[in-house]
Amino acid sequence: MTEVPFPAPDAPESSADESAPPASEETRRERRTAEKEREKAEKKGGRAFAEWMIVIVVALLAAFLVRTFVFQTFFIPSGSMEPTLKIGDRIIVSKLSYHLHSVGRGDIIVFHAPPREATVCADPSVKDLVKRVIGLPGETISSSGSTIFINGRPITQPWFPATPLGPPIATTKIPADSYFVMGDNRSFSCDSRMWGTLPGNDVIGHVIFRIWPISQIGFP
């Protein structure tokens, strides 16, 4: 009896992956290098973001500290200090000055509006005022005509040209740590003549510089 040979089974097919040649060492190094570069870029971007956040926070903190304890800008809303300061002027106020030296006669200061100002001057919306210091703690101030007297003696006022006093100054003994302040526009200023002396605790600071308008930049 003759044997019929069976066909040999087909050889198993190889997968594409099995047929692909293995990656060379150089290719593997390039992949590792690319991964490291990507990780480095991600870390660098994160550090840059963190650094910018720190810069912004420090800048905001510095601005807050400067405004709170060192300098502050103010806007002049009225003509009570004309001709020295006009409506629309912007000024810089030093909050440190009076921690270094005392308030002087003739200083222009910014201060919190006293309670009586709202009723006497009929302007309750005003929160801060700017005036010139005329009388100092412990002095007695009065006036006759347009002449101002301190402790019975007339004082010179070299800060601006002679101007009518307007409302007179009633003889007033200035309390300790208080000041008598007036606007340079004497006839149209609501000041210590109307609402009394200013407590020293209400002084915000000393006007040291005008920054606007550009044509008037300088010391007031």
Foldseek 3Di string as FASTA:
>chain_A
DDDDDDDDDDDDDDDPVVVDDDDDPVVVVVVVVVVVVVVVVVVVVVVVVVVVVVVVVVVVVVVVCCCQAFKHKDAACDDLQPPVDHHGWIFIFGQCVCVVDNDDAFFKFKFADDPCCCVQVVPVVDGIDIWGFHFAAQWWWWDDFQFIDINRHTDDDPPDPRDTQADTADTDGHHHQWTFTGHNNRNPTDGCSGVNIGHNVGTRGTTAWIDPDVVPTDGD
